[in-house]
């Protein structure tokens, strides 16, 4: 999710970036409103599941 990482660069903080990326993911992606879509956004911005 390269686009979600770019949103993090363009916003003032991770909370705002996560809010925008979830909105865009729900609106335009095929996995919108699916748990994997939320995990993808959290992985891109917050580093969830990184080791």
N, C-alpha and C. Protein backbone atom coordinates (compact mmCIF):
# COMPACT_ATOMS: atom_id res chain seq x y z
N UNK A 1 0.83 -1.18 0.00
CA UNK A 1 0.00 0.00 0.00
C UNK A 1 0.87 1.25 0.00
N UNK A 2 1.49 1.45 -1.12
CA UNK A 2 2.37 2.61 -1.29
C UNK A 2 1.61 3.91 -1.08
N UNK A 3 0.38 3.97 -1.54
CA UNK A 3 -0.40 5.21 -1.44
C UNK A 3 -0.66 5.57 0.02
N UNK A 4 -0.87 4.60 0.89
CA UNK A 4 -1.10 4.89 2.31
C UNK A 4 0.16 5.44 2.96
N UNK A 5 1.32 4.95 2.56
CA UNK A 5 2.57 5.48 3.11
C UNK A 5 2.79 6.92 2.65
N UNK A 6 2.36 7.26 1.44
CA UNK A 6 2.49 8.63 0.95
C UNK A 6 1.54 9.56 1.71
N UNK A 7 0.35 9.07 2.05
CA UNK A 7 -0.58 9.89 2.84
C UNK A 7 0.04 10.24 4.18
N UNK A 8 0.77 9.31 4.77
CA UNK A 8 1.46 9.58 6.03
C UNK A 8 2.46 10.72 5.87
N UNK A 9 3.13 10.80 4.74
CA UNK A 9 4.07 11.90 4.49
C UNK A 9 3.36 13.24 4.31
N UNK A 10 2.15 13.22 3.79
CA UNK A 10 1.44 14.46 3.44
C UNK A 10 0.59 15.01 4.57
N UNK A 11 0.38 14.26 5.65
CA UNK A 11 -0.48 14.71 6.74
C UNK A 11 0.36 15.09 7.95
N UNK A 12 -0.33 15.68 8.93
CA UNK A 12 0.38 16.17 10.11
C UNK A 12 0.70 15.07 11.12
N UNK A 13 0.03 13.93 11.04
CA UNK A 13 0.30 12.86 11.99
C UNK A 13 -0.32 11.55 11.56
N UNK A 14 0.04 10.46 12.24
CA UNK A 14 -0.47 9.14 11.85
C UNK A 14 -1.97 8.97 12.05
N UNK A 15 -2.55 9.66 13.03
CA UNK A 15 -3.99 9.53 13.26
C UNK A 15 -4.77 10.04 12.05
N UNK A 16 -4.38 11.21 11.56
CA UNK A 16 -5.04 11.79 10.39
C UNK A 16 -4.80 10.93 9.15
N UNK A 17 -3.58 10.44 8.99
CA UNK A 17 -3.26 9.60 7.83
C UNK A 17 -4.07 8.31 7.85
N UNK A 18 -4.23 7.71 9.02
CA UNK A 18 -5.00 6.48 9.12
C UNK A 18 -6.47 6.73 8.80
N UNK A 19 -7.00 7.82 9.29
CA UNK A 19 -8.40 8.17 9.02
C UNK A 19 -8.64 8.35 7.52
N UNK A 20 -7.75 9.07 6.86
CA UNK A 20 -7.89 9.31 5.42
C UNK A 20 -7.71 8.01 4.63
N UNK A 21 -6.71 7.21 5.01
CA UNK A 21 -6.46 5.98 4.25
C UNK A 21 -7.60 4.98 4.40
N UNK A 22 -8.20 4.88 5.58
CA UNK A 22 -9.34 3.98 5.75
C UNK A 22 -10.52 4.47 4.92
N UNK A 23 -10.75 5.78 4.91
CA UNK A 23 -11.84 6.34 4.09
C UNK A 23 -11.62 6.01 2.61
N UNK A 24 -10.42 6.26 2.11
CA UNK A 24 -10.13 6.00 0.70
C UNK A 24 -10.18 4.51 0.38
N UNK A 25 -9.69 3.68 1.30
CA UNK A 25 -9.73 2.23 1.09
C UNK A 25 -11.17 1.74 1.02
N UNK A 26 -12.02 2.23 1.92
CA UNK A 26 -13.42 1.81 1.92
C UNK A 26 -14.15 2.27 0.66
N UNK A 27 -13.78 3.42 0.15
CA UNK A 27 -14.48 3.97 -1.01
C UNK A 27 -14.03 3.38 -2.34
N UNK A 28 -12.73 3.16 -2.52
CA UNK A 28 -12.21 2.82 -3.84
C UNK A 28 -11.64 1.41 -4.00
N UNK A 29 -11.29 0.73 -2.93
CA UNK A 29 -10.65 -0.58 -3.06
C UNK A 29 -11.68 -1.71 -3.03
N UNK A 30 -11.31 -2.83 -3.61
CA UNK A 30 -12.20 -3.98 -3.64
C UNK A 30 -12.39 -4.60 -2.27
N UNK A 31 -11.41 -4.46 -1.38
CA UNK A 31 -11.52 -5.03 -0.04
C UNK A 31 -12.02 -4.00 0.97
N UNK A 32 -12.68 -2.97 0.51
CA UNK A 32 -13.20 -1.95 1.42
C UNK A 32 -14.16 -2.54 2.43
N UNK A 33 -14.08 -2.09 3.65
CA UNK A 33 -14.89 -2.54 4.78
C UNK A 33 -14.66 -4.01 5.13
N UNK A 34 -13.55 -4.54 4.69
CA UNK A 34 -13.16 -5.90 5.00
C UNK A 34 -12.03 -5.83 6.03
N UNK A 35 -11.94 -6.77 6.97
CA UNK A 35 -10.87 -6.71 7.96
C UNK A 35 -9.47 -6.63 7.35
N UNK A 36 -9.25 -7.28 6.22
CA UNK A 36 -7.92 -7.23 5.61
C UNK A 36 -7.59 -5.83 5.10
N UNK A 37 -8.60 -5.06 4.72
CA UNK A 37 -8.37 -3.67 4.30
C UNK A 37 -7.91 -2.81 5.46
N UNK A 38 -8.52 -3.01 6.62
CA UNK A 38 -8.11 -2.26 7.81
C UNK A 38 -6.70 -2.65 8.25
N UNK A 39 -6.40 -3.94 8.19
CA UNK A 39 -5.06 -4.40 8.57
C UNK A 39 -4.02 -3.85 7.60
N UNK A 40 -4.35 -3.77 6.33
CA UNK A 40 -3.43 -3.19 5.35
C UNK A 40 -3.11 -1.74 5.64
N UNK A 41 -4.13 -0.98 6.00
CA UNK A 41 -3.91 0.43 6.37
C UNK A 41 -3.08 0.53 7.64
N UNK A 42 -3.39 -0.29 8.63
CA UNK A 42 -2.63 -0.26 9.88
C UNK A 42 -1.18 -0.69 9.64
N UNK A 43 -0.96 -1.66 8.77
CA UNK A 43 0.40 -2.09 8.46
C UNK A 43 1.19 -0.98 7.79
N UNK A 44 0.56 -0.29 6.84
CA UNK A 44 1.26 0.75 6.09
C UNK A 44 1.63 1.94 6.96
N UNK A 45 0.74 2.33 7.86
CA UNK A 45 0.94 3.56 8.62
C UNK A 45 1.53 3.29 10.00
N UNK A 46 1.02 2.28 10.68
CA UNK A 46 1.41 2.05 12.08
C UNK A 46 2.45 0.95 12.25
N UNK A 47 2.70 0.17 11.21
CA UNK A 47 3.68 -0.90 11.33
C UNK A 47 3.17 -2.13 12.04
N UNK A 48 1.86 -2.37 11.98
CA UNK A 48 1.28 -3.56 12.61
C UNK A 48 1.86 -4.80 11.95
N UNK A 49 2.20 -5.79 12.72
CA UNK A 49 2.74 -7.08 12.28
C UNK A 49 4.17 -6.98 11.73
N UNK A 50 4.84 -5.86 11.88
CA UNK A 50 6.25 -5.79 11.50
C UNK A 50 7.09 -6.44 12.60
N UNK A 51 8.17 -7.07 12.19
CA UNK A 51 9.03 -7.71 13.19
C UNK A 51 10.37 -7.05 13.26
